[in-house]
Amino acid sequence: MQELKKDLYLIDKAELLQVIMEKKNALWRLCQICCSFPKAENHYEVTYSFANGYDFANYRLIAERDEEVPSISRVYKSAIYYENEMHELWGLNVENIKVDFHDKLYRIDVETPFIEKEDK
């Protein structure tokens, strides 16, 4: 784990579930999961945000376009919606989501509208 700046830590995929369990066991709540795909970087940035009282912490995971990211929905049930959204809108491969909506969370006309297609 590398601290990028105050309350923002860069983690790798192998550390994700350990961090999630530490936060859950310390009674931190999941505030949000944010996914982005910076065009210049050509990889996903997934940021998991947690709060405990007035304390706030963010953990960022970098994932390649075809890489799978483990689901945290078995630990934090609210992650189901974030993970389905990341898959449906961004095309992020999230493995073993507790409840997979199979791209039916939103009524959208195009597949993964938030990410530029490779063939353009």
PDB file of N, CA and C in Angstrom:
ATOM      1  N   MET A   1       0.851  -1.177   0.000  1.00  0.00           N
ATOM      2  CA  MET A   1       0.000   0.000   0.000  1.00  0.00           C
ATOM      3  C   MET A   1       0.893   1.235   0.000  1.00  0.00           C
ATOM      4  N   GLN A   2       0.566   2.153  -0.878  1.00  0.00           N
ATOM      5  CA  GLN A   2       1.337   3.387  -1.012  1.00  0.00           C
ATOM      6  C   GLN A   2       0.414   4.575  -0.763  1.00  0.00           C
ATOM      7  N   GLU A   3       0.831   5.496   0.104  1.00  0.00           N
ATOM      8  CA  GLU A   3       0.020   6.686   0.344  1.00  0.00           C
ATOM      9  C   GLU A   3       0.304   7.698  -0.758  1.00  0.00           C
ATOM     10  N   LEU A   4      -0.727   8.049  -1.525  1.00  0.00           N
ATOM     11  CA  LEU A   4      -0.583   9.024  -2.605  1.00  0.00           C
ATOM     12  C   LEU A   4      -0.682  10.438  -2.069  1.00  0.00           C
ATOM     13  N   LYS A   5      -1.609  10.643  -1.163  1.00  0.00           N
ATOM     14  CA  LYS A   5      -1.764  11.896  -0.431  1.00  0.00           C
ATOM     15  C   LYS A   5      -2.628  11.612   0.780  1.00  0.00           C
ATOM     16  N   LYS A   6      -2.891  12.604   1.576  1.00  0.00           N
ATOM     17  CA  LYS A   6      -3.643  12.382   2.810  1.00  0.00           C
ATOM     18  C   LYS A   6      -4.962  11.667   2.517  1.00  0.00           C
ATOM     19  N   ASP A   7      -5.171  10.557   3.176  1.00  0.00           N
ATOM     20  CA  ASP A   7      -6.402   9.765   3.073  1.00  0.00           C
ATOM     21  C   ASP A   7      -6.631   9.109   1.716  1.00  0.00           C
ATOM     22  N   LEU A   8      -5.599   9.014   0.875  1.00  0.00           N
ATOM     23  CA  LEU A   8      -5.710   8.318  -0.409  1.00  0.00           C
ATOM     24  C   LEU A   8      -4.535   7.364  -0.549  1.00  0.00           C
ATOM     25  N   TYR A   9      -4.852   6.068  -0.665  1.00  0.00           N
ATOM     26  CA  TYR A   9      -3.831   5.033  -0.718  1.00  0.00           C
ATOM     27  C   TYR A   9      -3.969   4.228  -1.994  1.00  0.00           C
ATOM     28  N   LEU A  10      -2.857   3.931  -2.616  1.00  0.00           N
ATOM     29  CA  LEU A  10      -2.837   3.080  -3.797  1.00  0.00           C
ATOM     30  C   LEU A  10      -2.624   1.649  -3.330  1.00  0.00           C
ATOM     31  N   ILE A  11      -3.537   0.751  -3.718  1.00  0.00           N
ATOM     32  CA  ILE A  11      -3.421  -0.657  -3.352  1.00  0.00           C
ATOM     33  C   ILE A  11      -3.421  -1.496  -4.618  1.00  0.00           C
ATOM     34  N   ASP A  12      -2.905  -2.717  -4.505  1.00  0.00           N
ATOM     35  CA  ASP A  12      -3.009  -3.610  -5.656  1.00  0.00           C
ATOM     36  C   ASP A  12      -4.131  -4.614  -5.407  1.00  0.00           C
ATOM     37  N   LYS A  13      -4.459  -5.360  -6.437  1.00  0.00           N
ATOM     38  CA  LYS A  13      -5.595  -6.273  -6.384  1.00  0.00           C
ATOM     39  C   LYS A  13      -5.461  -7.294  -5.253  1.00  0.00           C
ATOM     40  N   ALA A  14      -4.237  -7.720  -4.981  1.00  0.00           N
ATOM     41  CA  ALA A  14      -4.013  -8.711  -3.924  1.00  0.00           C
ATOM     42  C   ALA A  14      -4.313  -8.149  -2.538  1.00  0.00           C
ATOM     43  N   GLU A  15      -4.247  -6.841  -2.369  1.00  0.00           N
ATOM     44  CA  GLU A  15      -4.497  -6.200  -1.072  1.00  0.00           C
ATOM     45  C   GLU A  15      -5.958  -5.831  -0.855  1.00  0.00           C
ATOM     46  N   LEU A  16      -6.762  -5.816  -1.915  1.00  0.00           N
ATOM     47  CA  LEU A  16      -8.123  -5.295  -1.842  1.00  0.00           C
ATOM     48  C   LEU A  16      -8.963  -5.969  -0.764  1.00  0.00           C
ATOM     49  N   LEU A  17      -9.081  -7.268  -0.798  1.00  0.00           N
ATOM     50  CA  LEU A  17      -9.967  -7.943   0.153  1.00  0.00           C
ATOM     51  C   LEU A  17      -9.473  -7.816   1.593  1.00  0.00           C
ATOM     52  N   GLN A  18      -8.169  -7.761   1.790  1.00  0.00           N
ATOM     53  CA  GLN A  18      -7.622  -7.556   3.132  1.00  0.00           C
ATOM     54  C   GLN A  18      -8.019  -6.172   3.665  1.00  0.00           C
ATOM     55  N   VAL A  19      -7.872  -5.150   2.834  1.00  0.00           N
ATOM     56  CA  VAL A  19      -8.260  -3.791   3.227  1.00  0.00           C
ATOM     57  C   VAL A  19      -9.751  -3.726   3.527  1.00  0.00           C
ATOM     58  N   ILE A  20     -10.557  -4.342   2.671  1.00  0.00           N
ATOM     59  CA  ILE A  20     -12.011  -4.334   2.847  1.00  0.00           C
ATOM     60  C   ILE A  20     -12.390  -4.984   4.177  1.00  0.00           C
ATOM     61  N   MET A  21     -11.788  -6.115   4.482  1.00  0.00           N
ATOM     62  CA  MET A  21     -12.104  -6.816   5.736  1.00  0.00           C
ATOM     63  C   MET A  21     -11.649  -6.010   6.956  1.00  0.00           C
ATOM     64  N   GLU A  22     -10.497  -5.355   6.856  1.00  0.00           N
ATOM     65  CA  GLU A  22     -10.035  -4.509   7.963  1.00  0.00           C
ATOM     66  C   GLU A  22     -11.027  -3.380   8.226  1.00  0.00           C
ATOM     67  N   LYS A  23     -11.514  -2.754   7.180  1.00  0.00           N
ATOM     68  CA  LYS A  23     -12.478  -1.655   7.334  1.00  0.00           C
ATOM     69  C   LYS A  23     -13.795  -2.178   7.899  1.00  0.00           C
ATOM     70  N   LYS A  24     -14.269  -3.288   7.388  1.00  0.00           N
ATOM     71  CA  LYS A  24     -15.536  -3.865   7.867  1.00  0.00           C
ATOM     72  C   LYS A  24     -15.435  -4.242   9.346  1.00  0.00           C
ATOM     73  N   ASN A  25     -14.341  -4.892   9.725  1.00  0.00           N
ATOM     74  CA  ASN A  25     -14.158  -5.306  11.116  1.00  0.00           C
ATOM     75  C   ASN A  25     -13.978  -4.128  12.067  1.00  0.00           C
ATOM     76  N   ALA A  26     -13.484  -3.005  11.547  1.00  0.00           N
ATOM     77  CA  ALA A  26     -13.327  -1.796  12.363  1.00  0.00           C
ATOM     78  C   ALA A  26     -14.577  -0.912  12.306  1.00  0.00           C
ATOM     79  N   LEU A  27     -15.651  -1.444  11.688  1.00  0.00           N
ATOM     80  CA  LEU A  27     -16.966  -0.785  11.606  1.00  0.00           C
ATOM     81  C   LEU A  27     -16.974   0.487  10.759  1.00  0.00           C
ATOM     82  N   TRP A  28     -16.111   0.535   9.746  1.00  0.00           N
ATOM     83  CA  TRP A  28     -16.163   1.624   8.775  1.00  0.00           C
ATOM     84  C   TRP A  28     -17.288   1.327   7.792  1.00  0.00           C
ATOM     85  N   ARG A  29     -17.946   2.372   7.293  1.00  0.00           N
ATOM     86  CA  ARG A  29     -19.008   2.159   6.308  1.00  0.00           C
ATOM     87  C   ARG A  29     -18.498   2.496   4.915  1.00  0.00           C
ATOM     88  N   LEU A  30     -18.991   1.770   3.948  1.00  0.00           N
ATOM     89  CA  LEU A  30     -18.655   2.039   2.551  1.00  0.00           C
ATOM     90  C   LEU A  30     -19.456   3.247   2.103  1.00  0.00           C
ATOM     91  N   CYS A  31     -18.777   4.299   1.674  1.00  0.00           N
ATOM     92  CA  CYS A  31     -19.458   5.520   1.214  1.00  0.00           C
ATOM     93  C   CYS A  31     -19.749   5.472  -0.279  1.00  0.00           C
ATOM     94  N   GLN A  32     -18.773   5.008  -1.051  1.00  0.00           N
ATOM     95  CA  GLN A  32     -18.946   4.950  -2.488  1.00  0.00           C
ATOM     96  C   GLN A  32     -17.804   4.190  -3.128  1.00  0.00           C
ATOM     97  N   ILE A  33     -18.027   3.766  -4.352  1.00  0.00           N
ATOM     98  CA  ILE A  33     -16.968   3.217  -5.194  1.00  0.00           C
ATOM     99  C   ILE A  33     -17.045   3.999  -6.500  1.00  0.00           C
ATOM    100  N   CYS A  34     -15.932   4.564  -6.896  1.00  0.00           N
ATOM    101  CA  CYS A  34     -15.890   5.390  -8.102  1.00  0.00           C
ATOM    102  C   CYS A  34     -14.970   4.742  -9.131  1.00  0.00           C
ATOM    103  N   CYS A  35     -15.434   4.659 -10.348  1.00  0.00           N
ATOM    104  CA  CYS A  35     -14.636   4.088 -11.431  1.00  0.00           C
ATOM    105  C   CYS A  35     -14.387   5.176 -12.474  1.00  0.00           C
ATOM    106  N   SER A  36     -13.165   5.202 -12.985  1.00  0.00           N
ATOM    107  CA  SER A  36     -12.854   6.103 -14.096  1.00  0.00           C
ATOM    108  C   SER A  36     -11.859   5.399 -15.015  1.00  0.00           C
ATOM    109  N   PHE A  37     -11.745   5.916 -16.205  1.00  0.00           N
ATOM    110  CA  PHE A  37     -10.807   5.371 -17.190  1.00  0.00           C
ATOM    111  C   PHE A  37     -10.120   6.551 -17.849  1.00  0.00           C
ATOM    112  N   PRO A  38      -9.070   7.080 -17.193  1.00  0.00           N
ATOM    113  CA  PRO A  38      -8.374   8.230 -17.791  1.00  0.00           C
ATOM    114  C   PRO A  38      -7.803   7.851 -19.158  1.00  0.00           C
ATOM    115  N   LYS A  39      -8.205   8.562 -20.162  1.00  0.00           N
ATOM    116  CA  LYS A  39      -7.825   8.244 -21.538  1.00  0.00           C
ATOM    117  C   LYS A  39      -6.300   8.211 -21.709  1.00  0.00           C
ATOM    118  N   ALA A  40      -5.608   9.128 -21.075  1.00  0.00           N
ATOM    119  CA  ALA A  40      -4.156   9.197 -21.200  1.00  0.00           C
ATOM    120  C   ALA A  40      -3.462   8.023 -20.501  1.00  0.00           C
ATOM    121  N   GLU A  41      -4.099   7.466 -19.493  1.00  0.00           N
ATOM    122  CA  GLU A  41      -3.489   6.396 -18.712  1.00  0.00           C
ATOM    123  C   GLU A  41      -3.789   5.012 -19.281  1.00  0.00           C
ATOM    124  N   ASN A  42      -4.931   4.857 -19.948  1.00  0.00           N
ATOM    125  CA  ASN A  42      -5.360   3.597 -20.561  1.00  0.00           C
ATOM    126  C   ASN A  42      -5.507   2.452 -19.559  1.00  0.00           C
ATOM    127  N   HIS A  43      -6.031   2.755 -18.383  1.00  0.00           N
ATOM    128  CA  HIS A  43      -6.379   1.742 -17.385  1.00  0.00           C
ATOM    129  C   HIS A  43      -7.501   2.287 -16.508  1.00  0.00           C
ATOM    130  N   TYR A  44      -8.159   1.385 -15.802  1.00  0.00           N
ATOM    131  CA  TYR A  44      -9.206   1.789 -14.875  1.00  0.00           C
ATOM    132  C   TYR A  44      -8.584   2.260 -13.566  1.00  0.00           C
ATOM    133  N   GLU A  45      -9.224   3.234 -12.952  1.00  0.00           N
ATOM    134  CA  GLU A  45      -8.913   3.624 -11.588  1.00  0.00           C
ATOM    135  C   GLU A  45     -10.202   3.447 -10.793  1.00  0.00           C
ATOM    136  N   VAL A  46     -10.166   2.536  -9.818  1.00  0.00           N
ATOM    137  CA  VAL A  46     -11.336   2.251  -8.996  1.00  0.00           C
ATOM    138  C   VAL A  46     -10.996   2.701  -7.583  1.00  0.00           C
ATOM    139  N   THR A  47     -11.798   3.630  -7.055  1.00  0.00           N
ATOM    140  CA  THR A  47     -11.537   4.184  -5.732  1.00  0.00           C
ATOM    141  C   THR A  47     -12.658   3.786  -4.785  1.00  0.00           C
ATOM    142  N   TYR A  48     -12.274   3.141  -3.692  1.00  0.00           N
ATOM    143  CA  TYR A  48     -13.190   2.703  -2.642  1.00  0.00           C
ATOM    144  C   TYR A  48     -13.076   3.700  -1.489  1.00  0.00           C
ATOM    145  N   SER A  49     -14.199   4.307  -1.090  1.00  0.00           N
ATOM    146  CA  SER A  49     -14.193   5.326  -0.040  1.00  0.00           C
ATOM    147  C   SER A  49     -14.955   4.833   1.181  1.00  0.00           C
ATOM    148  N   PHE A  50     -14.361   5.048   2.354  1.00  0.00           N
ATOM    149  CA  PHE A  50     -14.917   4.600   3.624  1.00  0.00           C
ATOM    150  C   PHE A  50     -14.940   5.738   4.629  1.00  0.00           C
ATOM    151  N   ALA A  51     -15.906   5.688   5.549  1.00  0.00           N
ATOM    152  CA  ALA A  51     -15.992   6.691   6.611  1.00  0.00           C
ATOM    153  C   ALA A  51     -16.268   5.993   7.934  1.00  0.00           C
ATOM    154  N   ASN A  52     -15.745   6.605   8.981  1.00  0.00           N
ATOM    155  CA  ASN A  52     -16.002   6.165  10.349  1.00  0.00           C
ATOM    156  C   ASN A  52     -16.040   7.432  11.192  1.00  0.00           C
ATOM    157  N   GLY A  53     -17.248   7.878  11.528  1.00  0.00           N
ATOM    158  CA  GLY A  53     -17.376   9.169  12.200  1.00  0.00           C
ATOM    159  C   GLY A  53     -16.902  10.265  11.259  1.00  0.00           C
ATOM    160  N   TYR A  54     -15.909  11.047  11.716  1.00  0.00           N
ATOM    161  CA  TYR A  54     -15.350  12.112  10.879  1.00  0.00           C
ATOM    162  C   TYR A  54     -14.093  11.677  10.135  1.00  0.00           C
ATOM    163  N   ASP A  55     -13.724  10.420  10.259  1.00  0.00           N
ATOM    164  CA  ASP A  55     -12.560   9.896   9.546  1.00  0.00           C
ATOM    165  C   ASP A  55     -12.991   9.391   8.178  1.00  0.00           C
ATOM    166  N   PHE A  56     -12.142   9.637   7.199  1.00  0.00           N
ATOM    167  CA  PHE A  56     -12.446   9.272   5.828  1.00  0.00           C
ATOM    168  C   PHE A  56     -11.194   8.673   5.201  1.00  0.00           C
ATOM    169  N   ALA A  57     -11.328   7.598   4.425  1.00  0.00           N
ATOM    170  CA  ALA A  57     -10.180   6.975   3.764  1.00  0.00           C
ATOM    171  C   ALA A  57     -10.590   6.480   2.388  1.00  0.00           C
ATOM    172  N   ASN A  58      -9.678   6.635   1.435  1.00  0.00           N
ATOM    173  CA  ASN A  58      -9.897   6.206   0.054  1.00  0.00           C
ATOM    174  C   ASN A  58      -8.782   5.259  -0.354  1.00  0.00           C
ATOM    175  N   TYR A  59      -9.167   4.186  -1.040  1.00  0.00           N
ATOM    176  CA  TYR A  59      -8.210   3.202  -1.517  1.00  0.00           C
ATOM    177  C   TYR A  59      -8.397   3.050  -3.015  1.00  0.00           C
ATOM    178  N   ARG A  60      -7.336   3.316  -3.769  1.00  0.00           N
ATOM    179  CA  ARG A  60      -7.420   3.282  -5.228  1.00  0.00           C
ATOM    180  C   ARG A  60      -6.735   2.036  -5.773  1.00  0.00           C
ATOM    181  N   LEU A  61      -7.433   1.383  -6.671  1.00  0.00           N
ATOM    182  CA  LEU A  61      -6.950   0.177  -7.333  1.00  0.00           C
ATOM    183  C   LEU A  61      -6.808   0.490  -8.818  1.00  0.00           C
ATOM    184  N   ILE A  62      -5.682   0.134  -9.399  1.00  0.00           N
ATOM    185  CA  ILE A  62      -5.462   0.304 -10.834  1.00  0.00           C
ATOM    186  C   ILE A  62      -5.687  -1.054 -11.499  1.00  0.00           C
ATOM    187  N   ALA A  63      -6.516  -1.080 -12.536  1.00  0.00           N
ATOM    188  CA  ALA A  63      -6.811  -2.341 -13.239  1.00  0.00           C
ATOM    189  C   ALA A  63      -6.695  -2.110 -14.742  1.00  0.00           C
ATOM    190  N   GLU A  64      -6.098  -3.065 -15.411  1.00  0.00           N
ATOM    191  CA  GLU A  64      -5.989  -2.993 -16.867  1.00  0.00           C
ATOM    192  C   GLU A  64      -7.360  -3.224 -17.490  1.00  0.00           C
ATOM    193  N   ARG A  65      -7.501  -2.865 -18.745  1.00  0.00           N
ATOM    194  CA  ARG A  65      -8.801  -2.912 -19.422  1.00  0.00           C
ATOM    195  C   ARG A  65      -9.426  -4.308 -19.410  1.00  0.00           C
ATOM    196  N   ASP A  66      -8.634  -5.353 -19.559  1.00  0.00           N
ATOM    197  CA  ASP A  66      -9.174  -6.713 -19.609  1.00  0.00           C
ATOM    198  C   ASP A  66      -9.024  -7.467 -18.289  1.00  0.00           C
ATOM    199  N   GLU A  67      -8.577  -6.796 -17.238  1.00  0.00           N
ATOM    200  CA  GLU A  67      -8.348  -7.427 -15.943  1.00  0.00           C
ATOM    201  C   GLU A  67      -9.649  -7.532 -15.132  1.00  0.00           C
ATOM    202  N   GLU A  68      -9.777  -8.608 -14.355  1.00  0.00           N
ATOM    203  CA  GLU A  68     -10.925  -8.759 -13.468  1.00  0.00           C
ATOM    204  C   GLU A  68     -10.589  -8.209 -12.090  1.00  0.00           C
ATOM    205  N   VAL A  69     -11.575  -7.549 -11.483  1.00  0.00           N
ATOM    206  CA  VAL A  69     -11.444  -6.996 -10.139  1.00  0.00           C
ATOM    207  C   VAL A  69     -12.372  -7.796  -9.233  1.00  0.00           C
ATOM    208  N   PRO A  70     -11.913  -8.219  -8.047  1.00  0.00           N
ATOM    209  CA  PRO A  70     -12.789  -8.988  -7.162  1.00  0.00           C
ATOM    210  C   PRO A  70     -13.934  -8.140  -6.614  1.00  0.00           C
ATOM    211  N   SER A  71     -15.071  -8.760  -6.491  1.00  0.00           N
ATOM    212  CA  SER A  71     -16.233  -8.098  -5.910  1.00  0.00           C
ATOM    213  C   SER A  71     -16.063  -8.003  -4.392  1.00  0.00           C
ATOM    214  N   ILE A  72     -16.599  -6.922  -3.813  1.00  0.00           N
ATOM    215  CA  ILE A  72     -16.625  -6.808  -2.351  1.00  0.00           C
ATOM    216  C   ILE A  72     -18.064  -6.900  -1.842  1.00  0.00           C
ATOM    217  N   SER A  73     -18.987  -7.285  -2.720  1.00  0.00           N
ATOM    218  CA  SER A  73     -20.414  -7.279  -2.381  1.00  0.00           C
ATOM    219  C   SER A  73     -20.809  -8.330  -1.353  1.00  0.00           C
ATOM    220  N   ARG A  74     -19.970  -9.300  -1.108  1.00  0.00           N
ATOM    221  CA  ARG A  74     -20.270 -10.286  -0.067  1.00  0.00           C
ATOM    222  C   ARG A  74     -19.924  -9.744   1.321  1.00  0.00           C
ATOM    223  N   VAL A  75     -19.128  -8.691   1.359  1.00  0.00           N
ATOM    224  CA  VAL A  75     -18.760  -8.044   2.621  1.00  0.00           C
ATOM    225  C   VAL A  75     -19.618  -6.797   2.840  1.00  0.00           C
ATOM    226  N   TYR A  76     -19.711  -5.961   1.817  1.00  0.00           N
ATOM    227  CA  TYR A  76     -20.546  -4.755   1.857  1.00  0.00           C
ATOM    228  C   TYR A  76     -21.658  -4.932   0.824  1.00  0.00           C
ATOM    229  N   LYS A  77     -22.880  -5.198   1.274  1.00  0.00           N
ATOM    230  CA  LYS A  77     -23.988  -5.469   0.352  1.00  0.00           C
ATOM    231  C   LYS A  77     -24.283  -4.309  -0.591  1.00  0.00           C
ATOM    232  N   SER A  78     -24.086  -3.080  -0.123  1.00  0.00           N
ATOM    233  CA  SER A  78     -24.362  -1.921  -0.979  1.00  0.00           C
ATOM    234  C   SER A  78     -23.428  -1.851  -2.181  1.00  0.00           C
ATOM    235  N   ALA A  79     -22.335  -2.582  -2.155  1.00  0.00           N
ATOM    236  CA  ALA A  79     -21.398  -2.601  -3.278  1.00  0.00           C
ATOM    237  C   ALA A  79     -22.022  -3.222  -4.526  1.00  0.00           C
ATOM    238  N   ILE A  80     -23.096  -3.975  -4.349  1.00  0.00           N
ATOM    239  CA  ILE A  80     -23.781  -4.598  -5.482  1.00  0.00           C
ATOM    240  C   ILE A  80     -24.116  -3.552  -6.548  1.00  0.00           C
ATOM    241  N   TYR A  81     -24.639  -2.432  -6.135  1.00  0.00           N
ATOM    242  CA  TYR A  81     -25.057  -1.391  -7.081  1.00  0.00           C
ATOM    243  C   TYR A  81     -23.858  -0.710  -7.739  1.00  0.00           C
ATOM    244  N   TYR A  82     -22.845  -0.392  -6.946  1.00  0.00           N
ATOM    245  CA  TYR A  82     -21.640   0.226  -7.511  1.00  0.00           C
ATOM    246  C   TYR A  82     -20.973  -0.704  -8.522  1.00  0.00           C
ATOM    247  N   GLU A  83     -20.852  -1.980  -8.174  1.00  0.00           N
ATOM    248  CA  GLU A  83     -20.157  -2.920  -9.043  1.00  0.00           C
ATOM    249  C   GLU A  83     -20.932  -3.188 -10.329  1.00  0.00           C
ATOM    250  N   ASN A  84     -22.248  -3.311 -10.245  1.00  0.00           N
ATOM    251  CA  ASN A  84     -23.052  -3.451 -11.461  1.00  0.00           C
ATOM    252  C   ASN A  84     -22.944  -2.210 -12.331  1.00  0.00           C
ATOM    253  N   GLU A  85     -22.947  -1.035 -11.714  1.00  0.00           N
ATOM    254  CA  GLU A  85     -22.806   0.218 -12.449  1.00  0.00           C
ATOM    255  C   GLU A  85     -21.452   0.293 -13.153  1.00  0.00           C
ATOM    256  N   MET A  86     -20.372  -0.069 -12.452  1.00  0.00           N
ATOM    257  CA  MET A  86     -19.036  -0.019 -13.055  1.00  0.00           C
ATOM    258  C   MET A  86     -18.946  -0.963 -14.253  1.00  0.00           C
ATOM    259  N   HIS A  87     -19.580  -2.116 -14.132  1.00  0.00           N
ATOM    260  CA  HIS A  87     -19.558  -3.061 -15.248  1.00  0.00           C
ATOM    261  C   HIS A  87     -20.400  -2.551 -16.422  1.00  0.00           C
ATOM    262  N   GLU A  88     -21.589  -2.073 -16.111  1.00  0.00           N
ATOM    263  CA  GLU A  88     -22.518  -1.671 -17.166  1.00  0.00           C
ATOM    264  C   GLU A  88     -22.100  -0.383 -17.882  1.00  0.00           C
ATOM    265  N   LEU A  89     -21.647   0.606 -17.131  1.00  0.00           N
ATOM    266  CA  LEU A  89     -21.318   1.896 -17.739  1.00  0.00           C
ATOM    267  C   LEU A  89     -19.876   2.000 -18.226  1.00  0.00           C
ATOM    268  N   TRP A  90     -18.956   1.335 -17.533  1.00  0.00           N
ATOM    269  CA  TRP A  90     -17.532   1.443 -17.860  1.00  0.00           C
ATOM    270  C   TRP A  90     -16.955   0.192 -18.506  1.00  0.00           C
ATOM    271  N   GLY A  91     -17.615  -0.957 -18.330  1.00  0.00           N
ATOM    272  CA  GLY A  91     -17.078  -2.191 -18.881  1.00  0.00           C
ATOM    273  C   GLY A  91     -16.048  -2.869 -17.985  1.00  0.00           C
ATOM    274  N   LEU A  92     -15.950  -2.452 -16.730  1.00  0.00           N
ATOM    275  CA  LEU A  92     -15.015  -3.073 -15.798  1.00  0.00           C
ATOM    276  C   LEU A  92     -15.484  -4.485 -15.475  1.00  0.00           C
ATOM    277  N   ASN A  93     -14.587  -5.444 -15.565  1.00  0.00           N
ATOM    278  CA  ASN A  93     -14.908  -6.838 -15.247  1.00  0.00           C
ATOM    279  C   ASN A  93     -14.813  -7.041 -13.740  1.00  0.00           C
ATOM    280  N   VAL A  94     -15.965  -7.199 -13.092  1.00  0.00           N
ATOM    281  CA  VAL A  94     -16.023  -7.447 -11.652  1.00  0.00           C
ATOM    282  C   VAL A  94     -16.428  -8.903 -11.466  1.00  0.00           C
ATOM    283  N   GLU A  95     -15.576  -9.670 -10.792  1.00  0.00           N
ATOM    284  CA  GLU A  95     -15.849 -11.101 -10.660  1.00  0.00           C
ATOM    285  C   GLU A  95     -16.645 -11.408  -9.404  1.00  0.00           C
ATOM    286  N   ASN A  96     -17.632 -12.279  -9.558  1.00  0.00           N
ATOM    287  CA  ASN A  96     -18.444 -12.813  -8.453  1.00  0.00           C
ATOM    288  C   ASN A  96     -19.267 -11.763  -7.698  1.00  0.00           C
ATOM    289  N   ILE A  97     -19.946 -10.878  -8.427  1.00  0.00           N
ATOM    290  CA  ILE A  97     -20.864  -9.942  -7.778  1.00  0.00           C
ATOM    291  C   ILE A  97     -21.991 -10.766  -7.155  1.00  0.00           C
ATOM    292  N   LYS A  98     -22.341 -10.459  -5.929  1.00  0.00           N
ATOM    293  CA  LYS A  98     -23.361 -11.248  -5.222  1.00  0.00           C
ATOM    294  C   LYS A  98     -24.688 -11.263  -5.987  1.00  0.00           C
ATOM    295  N   VAL A  99     -25.111 -10.115  -6.499  1.00  0.00           N
ATOM    296  CA  VAL A  99     -26.307 -10.034  -7.333  1.00  0.00           C
ATOM    297  C   VAL A  99     -25.903  -9.317  -8.615  1.00  0.00           C
ATOM    298  N   ASP A 100     -25.827 -10.063  -9.711  1.00  0.00           N
ATOM    299  CA  ASP A 100     -25.444  -9.514 -11.001  1.00  0.00           C
ATOM    300  C   ASP A 100     -26.710  -9.170 -11.777  1.00  0.00           C
ATOM    301  N   PHE A 101     -26.859  -7.898 -12.144  1.00  0.00           N
ATOM    302  CA  PHE A 101     -28.051  -7.456 -12.879  1.00  0.00           C
ATOM    303  C   PHE A 101     -27.925  -7.700 -14.383  1.00  0.00           C
ATOM    304  N   HIS A 102     -26.815  -8.258 -14.841  1.00  0.00           N
ATOM    305  CA  HIS A 102     -26.612  -8.602 -16.250  1.00  0.00           C
ATOM    306  C   HIS A 102     -26.929  -7.424 -17.172  1.00  0.00           C
ATOM    307  N   ASP A 103     -26.320  -6.276 -16.873  1.00  0.00           N
ATOM    308  CA  ASP A 103     -26.452  -5.057 -17.679  1.00  0.00           C
ATOM    309  C   ASP A 103     -27.891  -4.544 -17.776  1.00  0.00           C
ATOM    310  N   LYS A 104     -28.678  -4.729 -16.728  1.00  0.00           N
ATOM    311  CA  LYS A 104     -30.063  -4.240 -16.701  1.00  0.00           C
ATOM    312  C   LYS A 104     -30.292  -3.248 -15.556  1.00  0.00           C
ATOM    313  N   LEU A 105     -29.219  -2.688 -14.991  1.00  0.00           N
ATOM    314  CA  LEU A 105     -29.364  -1.702 -13.920  1.00  0.00           C
ATOM    315  C   LEU A 105     -29.931  -0.394 -14.482  1.00  0.00           C
ATOM    316  N   TYR A 106     -29.451  -0.010 -15.650  1.00  0.00           N
ATOM    317  CA  TYR A 106     -29.900   1.225 -16.305  1.00  0.00           C
ATOM    318  C   TYR A 106     -30.577   0.898 -17.635  1.00  0.00           C
ATOM    319  N   ARG A 107     -31.445   1.790 -18.060  1.00  0.00           N
ATOM    320  CA  ARG A 107     -32.034   1.690 -19.398  1.00  0.00           C
ATOM    321  C   ARG A 107     -31.192   2.555 -20.325  1.00  0.00           C
ATOM    322  N   ILE A 108     -30.251   1.923 -20.972  1.00  0.00           N
ATOM    323  CA  ILE A 108     -29.357   2.648 -21.876  1.00  0.00           C
ATOM    324  C   ILE A 108     -29.357   1.966 -23.239  1.00  0.00           C
ATOM    325  N   ASP A 109     -29.108   2.765 -24.262  1.00  0.00           N
ATOM    326  CA  ASP A 109     -29.169   2.253 -25.626  1.00  0.00           C
ATOM    327  C   ASP A 109     -27.850   1.678 -26.128  1.00  0.00           C
ATOM    328  N   VAL A 110     -26.729   2.059 -25.485  1.00  0.00           N
ATOM    329  CA  VAL A 110     -25.426   1.597 -25.959  1.00  0.00           C
ATOM    330  C   VAL A 110     -24.702   0.840 -24.856  1.00  0.00           C
ATOM    331  N   GLU A 111     -23.830  -0.055 -25.275  1.00  0.00           N
ATOM    332  CA  GLU A 111     -23.041  -0.823 -24.322  1.00  0.00           C
ATOM    333  C   GLU A 111     -21.876   0.030 -23.816  1.00  0.00           C
ATOM    334  N   THR A 112     -21.634   0.008 -22.522  1.00  0.00           N
ATOM    335  CA  THR A 112     -20.554   0.744 -21.839  1.00  0.00           C
ATOM    336  C   THR A 112     -20.379   2.166 -22.385  1.00  0.00           C
ATOM    337  N   PRO A 113     -21.365   3.022 -22.163  1.00  0.00           N
ATOM    338  CA  PRO A 113     -21.336   4.360 -22.755  1.00  0.00           C
ATOM    339  C   PRO A 113     -20.242   5.286 -22.224  1.00  0.00           C
ATOM    340  N   PHE A 114     -19.656   4.993 -21.070  1.00  0.00           N
ATOM    341  CA  PHE A 114     -18.677   5.911 -20.494  1.00  0.00           C
ATOM    342  C   PHE A 114     -17.247   5.640 -20.928  1.00  0.00           C
ATOM    343  N   ILE A 115     -17.052   4.629 -21.755  1.00  0.00           N
ATOM    344  CA  ILE A 115     -15.686   4.318 -22.188  1.00  0.00           C
ATOM    345  C   ILE A 115     -15.637   4.320 -23.704  1.00  0.00           C
ATOM    346  N   GLU A 116     -14.563   4.880 -24.228  1.00  0.00           N
ATOM    347  CA  GLU A 116     -14.386   4.950 -25.659  1.00  0.00           C
ATOM    348  C   GLU A 116     -14.066   3.561 -26.205  1.00  0.00           C
ATOM    349  N   LYS A 117     -14.661   3.227 -27.299  1.00  0.00           N
ATOM    350  CA  LYS A 117     -14.441   1.926 -27.915  1.00  0.00           C
ATOM    351  C   LYS A 117     -13.060   1.895 -28.562  1.00  0.00           C
ATOM    352  N   GLU A 118     -12.419   0.712 -28.558  1.00  0.00           N
ATOM    353  CA  GLU A 118     -11.067   0.563 -29.083  1.00  0.00           C
ATOM    354  C   GLU A 118     -10.979   0.747 -30.589  1.00  0.00           C
ATOM    355  N   ASP A 119     -12.057   0.436 -31.312  1.00  0.00           N
ATOM    356  CA  ASP A 119     -11.999   0.479 -32.774  1.00  0.00           C
ATOM    357  C   ASP A 119     -12.203   1.877 -33.361  1.00  0.00           C
ATOM    358  N   LYS A 120     -12.318   2.889 -32.518  1.00  0.00           N
ATOM    359  CA  LYS A 120     -12.512   4.253 -33.048  1.00  0.00           C
ATOM    360  C   LYS A 120     -11.212   4.878 -33.443  1.00  0.00           C
TER     361      LYS A 120
END
